[in-house]
Protein backbone atom coordinates (compact mmCIF):
# COMPACT_ATOMS: atom_id res chain seq x y z
CA MET A 1 1.15 144.37 -72.18
CA ALA A 2 -0.03 145.54 -75.94
CA THR A 3 2.13 142.95 -77.97
CA LEU A 4 0.74 139.98 -75.67
CA THR A 5 -1.71 137.87 -78.28
CA ILE A 6 -5.29 137.48 -77.52
CA ASP A 7 -3.50 133.12 -77.03
CA GLN A 8 -0.86 134.66 -74.27
CA GLN A 9 -3.78 136.77 -72.51
CA THR A 10 -5.52 133.49 -72.20
CA SER A 11 -3.22 131.84 -70.91
CA VAL A 12 -2.30 134.78 -67.77
CA ILE A 13 -5.74 135.22 -67.34
CA SER A 14 -6.52 131.43 -66.79
CA ALA A 15 -3.59 131.04 -64.40
CA LEU A 16 -4.73 133.79 -62.23
CA VAL A 17 -8.63 132.23 -62.02
CA GLU A 18 -7.27 128.99 -61.06
CA GLY A 19 -5.44 130.40 -58.14
CA CYS A 20 -1.60 130.76 -59.38
CA SER A 21 -0.01 134.24 -57.83
CA ILE A 22 1.60 136.34 -60.05
CA ARG A 23 5.15 135.40 -59.51
CA SER A 24 4.12 131.77 -60.63
CA THR A 25 2.16 132.86 -63.94
CA GLU A 26 5.25 134.82 -64.88
CA ARG A 27 7.39 131.59 -64.52
CA MET A 28 4.47 129.56 -66.51
CA THR A 29 4.28 131.97 -69.01
CA GLY A 30 7.23 133.49 -69.26
CA ILE A 31 5.33 136.96 -69.02
CA HIS A 32 6.94 139.52 -67.13
CA ARG A 33 4.99 140.40 -63.63
CA ASP A 34 4.51 144.18 -64.85
CA SER A 35 2.84 143.10 -67.86
CA ILE A 36 0.52 140.69 -66.12
CA MET A 37 -0.43 143.12 -63.66
CA ARG A 38 -1.29 145.94 -66.48
CA LEU A 39 -3.08 143.03 -67.96
CA THR A 40 -5.11 141.73 -64.97
CA GLN A 41 -6.74 145.52 -64.17
CA ARG A 42 -7.47 146.09 -67.44
CA VAL A 43 -9.64 142.98 -68.29
CA ALA A 44 -10.65 143.58 -64.61
CA LYS A 45 -12.05 146.96 -65.06
CA GLY A 46 -13.67 145.16 -68.66
CA ALA A 47 -14.78 142.12 -65.98
CA GLU A 48 -16.63 144.66 -63.92
CA ARG A 49 -18.76 146.31 -66.45
CA LEU A 50 -19.69 142.76 -67.55
CA LEU A 51 -20.89 142.30 -64.17
CA ASP A 52 -22.44 145.69 -64.01
CA GLU A 53 -24.03 145.54 -67.42
CA SER A 54 -25.11 142.06 -67.60
CA ILE A 55 -26.62 142.05 -63.96
CA ARG A 56 -29.92 143.73 -64.02
CA GLY A 57 -32.80 142.62 -62.98
CA ILE A 58 -32.29 139.62 -61.35
CA ARG A 59 -35.62 137.71 -60.26
CA CYS A 60 -34.75 134.97 -57.83
CA GLU A 61 -36.93 133.00 -54.73
CA ARG A 62 -33.68 132.90 -52.30
CA LEU A 63 -30.68 135.22 -51.59
CA GLU A 64 -27.69 134.30 -49.06
CA LEU A 65 -25.55 137.04 -47.90
CA ASP A 66 -21.92 136.32 -46.12
CA GLU A 67 -18.52 138.24 -45.41
CA VAL A 68 -14.93 136.80 -46.52
CA TRP A 69 -12.24 138.53 -45.15
CA ALA A 70 -9.09 139.65 -46.72
CA PHE A 71 -5.96 142.05 -45.71
CA VAL A 72 -3.99 144.95 -48.02
CA GLY A 73 -0.65 145.22 -46.94
CA SER A 74 -0.74 143.91 -43.85
CA LYS A 75 -3.15 142.43 -41.32
CA LYS A 76 -4.86 145.07 -38.82
CA ALA A 77 -3.10 144.54 -35.80
CA ASN A 78 0.33 145.28 -37.57
CA LEU A 79 -0.44 148.32 -38.91
CA LYS A 80 1.54 151.18 -38.04
CA PRO A 81 0.28 154.73 -37.26
CA ARG A 82 1.27 156.40 -40.25
CA ASP A 83 -0.86 153.73 -42.09
CA ASP A 84 -4.16 154.70 -43.92
CA GLN A 85 -6.74 152.41 -42.71
CA LYS A 86 -8.99 153.41 -45.95
CA LEU A 87 -6.23 151.74 -47.94
CA ARG A 88 -4.78 149.13 -45.93
CA GLY A 89 -5.42 146.52 -43.02
CA ASP A 90 -8.31 144.24 -43.53
CA PHE A 91 -11.42 144.20 -46.20
CA TRP A 92 -14.14 142.42 -46.23
CA THR A 93 -15.77 141.19 -49.20
CA TRP A 94 -19.37 141.03 -48.83
CA VAL A 95 -21.18 138.23 -51.09
CA ALA A 96 -24.78 137.61 -51.91
CA LEU A 97 -25.55 134.44 -53.63
CA ASP A 98 -28.41 132.70 -55.12
CA PRO A 99 -28.77 129.17 -53.61
CA ASP A 100 -31.13 127.88 -57.00
CA SER A 101 -28.25 129.41 -60.06
CA LYS A 102 -25.48 129.67 -57.79
CA LEU A 103 -25.23 133.13 -59.20
CA VAL A 104 -23.38 135.77 -57.19
CA PRO A 105 -25.23 139.07 -58.31
CA ALA A 106 -23.29 141.95 -55.89
CA TYR A 107 -20.45 142.14 -53.96
CA THR A 108 -18.98 144.84 -52.13
CA ILE A 109 -15.48 145.57 -51.08
CA GLY A 110 -14.61 147.58 -47.63
CA LYS A 111 -14.91 147.07 -43.69
CA ARG A 112 -16.94 145.22 -42.16
CA ASP A 113 -18.94 147.95 -41.07
CA LEU A 114 -22.91 149.79 -41.26
CA ALA A 115 -21.60 152.54 -44.56
CA THR A 116 -20.25 149.44 -46.44
CA ALA A 117 -23.51 147.39 -45.52
CA ARG A 118 -25.17 150.29 -46.82
CA VAL A 119 -23.01 150.30 -50.30
CA PHE A 120 -23.79 146.60 -50.34
CA ALA A 121 -27.60 146.89 -50.06
CA ARG A 122 -28.11 149.38 -52.33
CA GLU A 123 -26.17 147.21 -55.30
CA LEU A 124 -28.48 144.52 -54.45
CA GLY A 125 -30.89 146.55 -54.57
CA ARG A 126 -30.74 147.77 -57.79
CA ARG A 127 -30.06 144.57 -59.06
CA VAL A 128 -32.58 142.46 -57.89
CA GLU A 129 -36.49 142.49 -58.34
CA GLY A 130 -39.42 141.29 -56.58
CA ARG A 131 -40.01 140.19 -53.37
CA ILE A 132 -37.01 137.29 -52.09
CA GLN A 133 -36.36 135.55 -49.25
CA VAL A 134 -32.55 136.88 -47.51
CA SER A 135 -30.25 135.15 -45.38
CA SER A 136 -27.65 136.17 -43.43
CA ASP A 137 -25.70 135.69 -39.97
CA LYS A 138 -25.86 137.58 -37.14
CA LEU A 139 -23.82 140.46 -38.26
CA ALA A 140 -26.37 143.42 -36.71
CA ALA A 141 -25.37 145.39 -39.77
CA TYR A 142 -27.45 143.39 -42.22
CA ARG A 143 -30.59 143.91 -39.87
CA LEU A 144 -30.40 147.42 -40.06
CA VAL A 145 -29.84 148.15 -43.84
CA MET A 146 -32.66 145.13 -44.97
CA ALA A 147 -35.75 147.00 -44.88
CA GLU A 148 -33.24 150.40 -46.12
CA ALA A 149 -33.09 148.33 -49.40
CA TRP A 150 -36.23 146.47 -49.64
CA GLY A 151 -38.76 148.45 -47.95
CA ASN A 152 -41.36 146.04 -46.94
CA ASP A 153 -40.69 143.64 -49.88
CA VAL A 154 -38.17 141.13 -48.42
CA ASP A 155 -38.50 137.77 -45.98
CA TYR A 156 -35.51 138.58 -43.87
CA GLY A 157 -34.20 135.85 -41.48
CA ARG A 158 -30.62 134.97 -39.95
CA ILE A 159 -28.81 131.72 -38.73
CA VAL A 160 -27.14 132.17 -35.65
CA LYS A 161 -24.92 128.97 -34.89
CA ARG A 162 -23.18 128.92 -31.47
CA PHE A 163 -19.69 127.54 -31.09
CA ALA A 164 -18.25 124.94 -28.42
CA SER A 165 -16.17 127.30 -26.68
CA ASP A 166 -13.44 124.22 -25.53
CA PHE A 167 -10.96 124.44 -28.72
CA LEU A 168 -8.36 122.16 -27.54
CA ASP A 169 -10.20 118.77 -29.11
CA THR A 170 -10.67 120.59 -32.77
CA GLY A 171 -6.79 122.05 -33.40
CA ARG A 172 -5.55 124.85 -34.47
CA TYR A 173 -6.74 125.13 -38.44
CA SER A 174 -9.64 123.10 -37.57
CA PRO A 175 -13.41 124.89 -37.55
CA PRO A 176 -14.64 125.13 -34.03
CA HIS A 177 -17.54 122.40 -33.11
CA VAL A 178 -21.22 123.89 -33.61
CA VAL A 179 -23.18 122.96 -30.44
CA SER A 180 -26.75 124.69 -31.72
CA VAL A 181 -28.36 126.57 -34.59
CA GLN A 182 -31.01 128.72 -34.28
CA ARG A 183 -33.48 130.41 -37.06
CA ASP A 184 -34.95 134.27 -36.77
CA VAL A 185 -37.42 135.64 -38.37
CA ILE A 186 -36.73 139.19 -38.28
CA LEU A 187 -38.38 140.73 -41.48
CA GLY A 188 -41.78 139.82 -43.48
CA ASP A 189 -42.52 136.19 -43.66
CA PRO A 190 -39.19 133.98 -44.76
CA ASN A 191 -39.53 130.00 -44.41
CA PRO A 192 -37.75 128.86 -41.55
CA GLY A 193 -36.64 125.74 -43.17
CA LYS A 194 -35.01 127.57 -45.77
CA ILE A 195 -32.75 130.21 -43.50
CA SER A 196 -29.65 129.27 -44.29
CA THR A 197 -26.09 130.77 -45.36
CA SER A 198 -24.42 127.24 -46.28
CA HIS A 199 -23.80 127.54 -50.02
CA VAL A 200 -22.76 131.20 -49.75
CA GLU A 201 -20.19 130.11 -47.23
CA ARG A 202 -19.14 127.29 -49.52
CA SER A 203 -18.11 129.82 -52.14
CA HIS A 204 -15.97 131.49 -49.92
CA GLY A 205 -13.91 128.48 -50.29
CA THR A 206 -14.20 128.67 -54.24
CA MET A 207 -12.91 132.28 -53.62
CA ARG A 208 -10.09 131.09 -51.56
CA GLY A 209 -8.70 128.36 -54.04
CA SER A 210 -9.48 130.56 -56.67
CA ILE A 211 -7.82 133.87 -55.92
CA ARG A 212 -4.46 133.51 -54.50
CA ARG A 213 -4.35 136.56 -52.51
CA LEU A 214 -7.42 135.29 -50.02
CA THR A 215 -5.38 131.72 -49.68
CA ARG A 216 -4.73 131.25 -46.32
CA LEU A 217 -1.49 130.06 -44.55
CA THR A 218 0.40 131.71 -47.95
CA ASN A 219 2.95 134.46 -48.87
CA GLY A 220 0.12 135.84 -51.47
CA PHE A 221 -1.99 138.69 -50.30
CA SER A 222 -2.85 142.50 -51.85
CA LYS A 223 -0.37 145.06 -51.90
CA SER A 224 -3.07 147.41 -52.96
CA LEU A 225 -6.80 147.27 -52.53
CA GLU A 226 -6.63 148.31 -56.50
CA GLY A 227 -5.18 144.80 -56.90
CA LEU A 228 -7.56 143.60 -54.40
CA LYS A 229 -10.64 144.63 -55.96
CA ALA A 230 -9.19 143.97 -59.96
CA ALA A 231 -8.72 139.84 -58.40
CA VAL A 232 -12.40 139.24 -56.83
CA ALA A 233 -13.73 141.18 -60.39
CA LEU A 234 -12.07 139.16 -62.25
CA HIS A 235 -12.93 136.15 -60.31
CA PHE A 236 -17.05 137.11 -60.03
CA ALA A 237 -17.17 137.73 -63.88
CA HIS A 238 -15.13 134.48 -64.22
CA TYR A 239 -17.44 132.59 -61.59
CA ASN A 240 -20.72 133.66 -63.38
CA PHE A 241 -19.96 133.39 -66.97
CA VAL A 242 -16.98 131.33 -67.82
CA ARG A 243 -17.13 128.33 -64.87
CA LEU A 244 -18.58 125.40 -65.33
CA HIS A 245 -20.85 124.62 -62.21
CA GLY A 246 -20.56 120.90 -61.28
CA SER A 247 -24.13 121.11 -59.31
CA ILE A 248 -25.74 122.97 -62.33
CA LYS A 249 -23.94 121.29 -64.91
CA THR A 250 -23.65 124.69 -66.74
CA THR A 251 -22.63 128.70 -65.68
CA PRO A 252 -24.48 130.62 -63.08
CA ALA A 253 -25.64 133.23 -65.25
CA LEU A 254 -26.83 130.57 -68.03
CA ALA A 255 -28.34 128.99 -65.16
CA ALA A 256 -29.99 132.32 -63.93
CA GLY A 257 -31.09 133.71 -67.39
CA VAL A 258 -28.37 136.85 -67.96
CA ALA A 259 -26.75 135.02 -70.21
CA ASP A 260 -27.85 133.31 -73.76
CA HIS A 261 -24.46 130.57 -73.76
CA ARG A 262 -21.58 129.46 -71.85
CA TRP A 263 -18.74 131.73 -72.30
CA SER A 264 -15.49 130.49 -73.25
CA LEU A 265 -12.54 131.96 -72.00
CA PRO A 266 -10.87 133.62 -74.68
CA GLU A 267 -14.21 135.50 -75.71
CA PHE A 268 -14.32 136.76 -72.56
CA VAL A 269 -10.38 137.60 -72.07
CA GLU A 270 -11.20 139.61 -75.49
CA TRP A 271 -14.43 141.49 -74.01
CA ALA A 272 -13.03 142.88 -71.53
CA TRP A 273 -9.79 143.91 -72.78
CA LEU A 274 -11.44 145.60 -75.49
CA ARG A 275 -13.92 146.97 -72.52
CA GLY A 276 -11.31 147.63 -70.04
CA ARG A 277 -9.90 151.11 -71.24
């Protein structure tokens, strides 16, 4: 890994953030997969540092919260009695997204439980300032932790979707038909017309297309929790600082005012490599 040039490092990271697997990246670049994995871990540590140092004191009007599923080692249903469920099985990436700038100010990887919700809420609370409107789905954990993170300084609403019970006409891989949408005011005074999770749900599609181990119906999955965390950190740093967002014609970090220019991929890789030790 130490002998890789910046061009080689950039080629590897470029392939990974565009949704290529480690083995396909190995075939395309001619770089051994062990070197690719070591490079990914180091650049991911730098990516985490970039996100932690840069995304502070964010001011925005709204945040949308949701979770995206993945698994490590095997799905929960296939776990063996000897498997450590803290390291294997189903994991969820909890994501917060500003629908205006498209910035992801915080994310947390863990189980879909109250403990992880508390970690996620604390992470949001230390990155976002001022009174905001927060939207989520009906997951009960959000309601329990919202006041813990912001006290009374939040306007929180949730959107509850009800789906058709008959799946025969939708097909196995098609989403069920939404028959009704209810918007509930939970805390403060949120604008009911802006209680939504549409933007963050759309961002899950970007995640699944950009992170091979999250792509459905493939043989790509995380063999370790460390690998999943590295891939997600790499994605969100690239998404916030490097990737041009079509609807805002710039990067989310630039739109949100946490960056003064659009980072190039070589610039990002070099920065993260040096600080990922």
